[in-house]
């Protein structure tokens, strides 16, 4: 079955960096768009970044443009989110999503930005 496993979250000071990874299995990874979402308590899950199956098309939420970079390694069936210059408002649970026919989500990884 489709499985997405996120890793790389943690506690970081403002201005710091983290790299999230999402390891995928159970489907033909290279055929599908992949994305990262985030969610804070009491708020809806929001799209952070999305990358096409070829990697040629990438889009970011305005709040993270210029600071976050999404990428994919089809040889490793993994999608990444490099997060630089982190701000306290980036604190959230980050989820990986596979845009398969039925859709799939990972379990999430907590990112906390605090001094």
C-alpha atoms as a PDB file:
ATOM      1  CA  UNK A   1       0.000   0.000   0.000  1.00  0.00           C
ATOM      2  CA  UNK A   2       0.991   3.644  -0.354  1.00  0.00           C
ATOM      3  CA  UNK A   3       3.215   4.783   2.472  1.00  0.00           C
ATOM      4  CA  UNK A   4       4.810   8.175   3.135  1.00  0.00           C
ATOM      5  CA  UNK A   5       7.230   8.624   6.010  1.00  0.00           C
ATOM      6  CA  UNK A   6       8.404  12.110   6.942  1.00  0.00           C
ATOM      7  CA  UNK A   7      11.533  12.859   8.942  1.00  0.00           C
ATOM      8  CA  UNK A   8      13.816  15.768   9.752  1.00  0.00           C
ATOM      9  CA  UNK A   9      11.616  17.894  11.970  1.00  0.00           C
ATOM     10  CA  UNK A  10      12.730  19.309  15.288  1.00  0.00           C
ATOM     11  CA  UNK A  11      13.414  22.413  17.336  1.00  0.00           C
ATOM     12  CA  UNK A  12      15.414  25.204  15.723  1.00  0.00           C
ATOM     13  CA  UNK A  13      16.158  28.815  16.569  1.00  0.00           C
ATOM     14  CA  UNK A  14      14.827  31.656  14.407  1.00  0.00           C
ATOM     15  CA  UNK A  15      17.065  32.084  11.375  1.00  0.00           C
ATOM     16  CA  UNK A  16      18.055  28.440  11.421  1.00  0.00           C
ATOM     17  CA  UNK A  17      17.553  25.707   8.846  1.00  0.00           C
ATOM     18  CA  UNK A  18      16.004  22.270   8.639  1.00  0.00           C
ATOM     19  CA  UNK A  19      15.679  19.717   5.857  1.00  0.00           C
ATOM     20  CA  UNK A  20      12.578  17.552   5.805  1.00  0.00           C
ATOM     21  CA  UNK A  21      12.493  14.251   3.944  1.00  0.00           C
ATOM     22  CA  UNK A  22       9.547  12.138   2.830  1.00  0.00           C
ATOM     23  CA  UNK A  23      10.284   8.568   1.813  1.00  0.00           C
ATOM     24  CA  UNK A  24       7.590   7.062  -0.412  1.00  0.00           C
ATOM     25  CA  UNK A  25       6.696   3.478  -1.202  1.00  0.00           C
ATOM     26  CA  UNK A  26       3.844   1.440  -2.649  1.00  0.00           C
ATOM     27  CA  UNK A  27       3.343   3.443  -5.851  1.00  0.00           C
ATOM     28  CA  UNK A  28       5.246   4.616  -8.927  1.00  0.00           C
ATOM     29  CA  UNK A  29       6.752   7.713  -7.313  1.00  0.00           C
ATOM     30  CA  UNK A  30       8.120   9.265 -10.496  1.00  0.00           C
ATOM     31  CA  UNK A  31       4.664   9.557 -12.089  1.00  0.00           C
ATOM     32  CA  UNK A  32       3.075  11.821  -9.514  1.00  0.00           C
ATOM     33  CA  UNK A  33       3.177  15.348  -8.191  1.00  0.00           C
ATOM     34  CA  UNK A  34       4.363  15.613  -4.589  1.00  0.00           C
ATOM     35  CA  UNK A  35       3.799  18.381  -2.084  1.00  0.00           C
ATOM     36  CA  UNK A  36       4.366  19.594   1.450  1.00  0.00           C
ATOM     37  CA  UNK A  37       1.603  20.992   3.643  1.00  0.00           C
ATOM     38  CA  UNK A  38       1.637  22.324   7.168  1.00  0.00           C
ATOM     39  CA  UNK A  39      -0.920  22.685   9.921  1.00  0.00           C
ATOM     40  CA  UNK A  40      -1.140  24.481  13.248  1.00  0.00           C
ATOM     41  CA  UNK A  41      -3.771  23.831  15.946  1.00  0.00           C
ATOM     42  CA  UNK A  42      -7.146  25.272  15.069  1.00  0.00           C
ATOM     43  CA  UNK A  43      -6.199  26.055  11.481  1.00  0.00           C
ATOM     44  CA  UNK A  44      -6.713  24.294   8.185  1.00  0.00           C
ATOM     45  CA  UNK A  45      -3.863  22.431   6.569  1.00  0.00           C
ATOM     46  CA  UNK A  46      -2.162  24.741   4.052  1.00  0.00           C
ATOM     47  CA  UNK A  47      -0.065  24.052   0.983  1.00  0.00           C
ATOM     48  CA  UNK A  48       3.580  25.003   1.404  1.00  0.00           C
ATOM     49  CA  UNK A  49       5.155  23.752  -1.831  1.00  0.00           C
ATOM     50  CA  UNK A  50       4.373  21.437  -4.743  1.00  0.00           C
ATOM     51  CA  UNK A  51       6.592  19.830  -7.362  1.00  0.00           C
ATOM     52  CA  UNK A  52       5.524  18.186 -10.619  1.00  0.00           C
ATOM     53  CA  UNK A  53       6.367  14.626 -11.562  1.00  0.00           C
ATOM     54  CA  UNK A  54       9.154  15.850 -13.843  1.00  0.00           C
ATOM     55  CA  UNK A  55      10.398  18.397 -11.333  1.00  0.00           C
ATOM     56  CA  UNK A  56      10.049  21.150 -13.934  1.00  0.00           C
ATOM     57  CA  UNK A  57       7.088  22.855 -12.301  1.00  0.00           C
ATOM     58  CA  UNK A  58       7.361  24.099  -8.719  1.00  0.00           C
ATOM     59  CA  UNK A  59       5.161  26.442  -6.745  1.00  0.00           C
ATOM     60  CA  UNK A  60       5.404  27.877  -3.249  1.00  0.00           C
ATOM     61  CA  UNK A  61       3.114  29.589  -0.801  1.00  0.00           C
ATOM     62  CA  UNK A  62       3.868  33.307  -0.644  1.00  0.00           C
ATOM     63  CA  UNK A  63       4.865  32.989   3.009  1.00  0.00           C
ATOM     64  CA  UNK A  64       7.821  30.704   2.210  1.00  0.00           C
ATOM     65  CA  UNK A  65       9.009  31.965  -1.184  1.00  0.00           C
ATOM     66  CA  UNK A  66      12.721  32.629  -1.200  1.00  0.00           C
ATOM     67  CA  UNK A  67      13.266  30.633   2.005  1.00  0.00           C
ATOM     68  CA  UNK A  68      12.042  27.089   1.268  1.00  0.00           C
ATOM     69  CA  UNK A  69      13.057  24.774  -1.566  1.00  0.00           C
ATOM     70  CA  UNK A  70      11.221  21.617  -2.598  1.00  0.00           C
ATOM     71  CA  UNK A  71      13.055  18.927  -4.538  1.00  0.00           C
ATOM     72  CA  UNK A  72      12.719  15.268  -5.406  1.00  0.00           C
ATOM     73  CA  UNK A  73      15.005  12.306  -5.994  1.00  0.00           C
ATOM     74  CA  UNK A  74      13.152   9.737  -8.078  1.00  0.00           C
ATOM     75  CA  UNK A  75      15.999   7.264  -7.647  1.00  0.00           C
ATOM     76  CA  UNK A  76      15.329   7.262  -3.903  1.00  0.00           C
ATOM     77  CA  UNK A  77      11.545   7.802  -4.084  1.00  0.00           C
ATOM     78  CA  UNK A  78      11.994  10.766  -1.769  1.00  0.00           C
ATOM     79  CA  UNK A  79      10.843  14.364  -1.724  1.00  0.00           C
ATOM     80  CA  UNK A  80      12.612  17.017   0.322  1.00  0.00           C
ATOM     81  CA  UNK A  81      11.838  20.414   1.789  1.00  0.00           C
ATOM     82  CA  UNK A  82      14.849  22.575   2.569  1.00  0.00           C
ATOM     83  CA  UNK A  83      13.799  25.305   4.975  1.00  0.00           C
ATOM     84  CA  UNK A  84      16.111  28.250   5.550  1.00  0.00           C
ATOM     85  CA  UNK A  85      15.790  31.443   7.573  1.00  0.00           C
ATOM     86  CA  UNK A  86      13.066  29.855   9.645  1.00  0.00           C
ATOM     87  CA  UNK A  87      10.640  32.080  11.527  1.00  0.00           C
ATOM     88  CA  UNK A  88       8.472  31.380  14.586  1.00  0.00           C
ATOM     89  CA  UNK A  89       5.412  31.477  12.317  1.00  0.00           C
ATOM     90  CA  UNK A  90       6.788  28.462  10.448  1.00  0.00           C
ATOM     91  CA  UNK A  91       6.093  26.369  13.541  1.00  0.00           C
ATOM     92  CA  UNK A  92       3.671  23.612  12.505  1.00  0.00           C
ATOM     93  CA  UNK A  93       3.282  19.943  11.770  1.00  0.00           C
ATOM     94  CA  UNK A  94       4.550  19.375   8.237  1.00  0.00           C
ATOM     95  CA  UNK A  95       2.929  16.724   6.057  1.00  0.00           C
ATOM     96  CA  UNK A  96       4.008  15.124   2.827  1.00  0.00           C
ATOM     97  CA  UNK A  97       1.336  14.424   0.223  1.00  0.00           C
ATOM     98  CA  UNK A  98       1.361  12.202  -2.843  1.00  0.00           C
ATOM     99  CA  UNK A  99      -1.036  13.345  -5.573  1.00  0.00           C
ATOM    100  CA  UNK A 100      -2.049   9.844  -6.589  1.00  0.00           C
ATOM    101  CA  UNK A 101      -5.577   9.029  -7.745  1.00  0.00           C
ATOM    102  CA  UNK A 102      -6.739   8.443  -4.185  1.00  0.00           C
ATOM    103  CA  UNK A 103      -4.265  10.794  -2.562  1.00  0.00           C
ATOM    104  CA  UNK A 104      -2.029   9.897   0.351  1.00  0.00           C
ATOM    105  CA  UNK A 105      -0.616  11.663   3.399  1.00  0.00           C
ATOM    106  CA  UNK A 106       2.277  11.001   5.690  1.00  0.00           C
ATOM    107  CA  UNK A 107       1.980  11.016   9.473  1.00  0.00           C
ATOM    108  CA  UNK A 108       3.563  14.446   9.826  1.00  0.00           C
ATOM    109  CA  UNK A 109       6.697  15.797  11.463  1.00  0.00           C
ATOM    110  CA  UNK A 110       6.769  18.625  14.005  1.00  0.00           C
ATOM    111  CA  UNK A 111       8.800  21.736  13.266  1.00  0.00           C
ATOM    112  CA  UNK A 112       9.206  24.212  16.110  1.00  0.00           C
ATOM    113  CA  UNK A 113      10.973  27.529  15.619  1.00  0.00           C
ATOM    114  CA  UNK A 114      11.725  29.170  18.921  1.00  0.00           C
ATOM    115  CA  UNK A 115      14.522  30.824  20.838  1.00  0.00           C
END
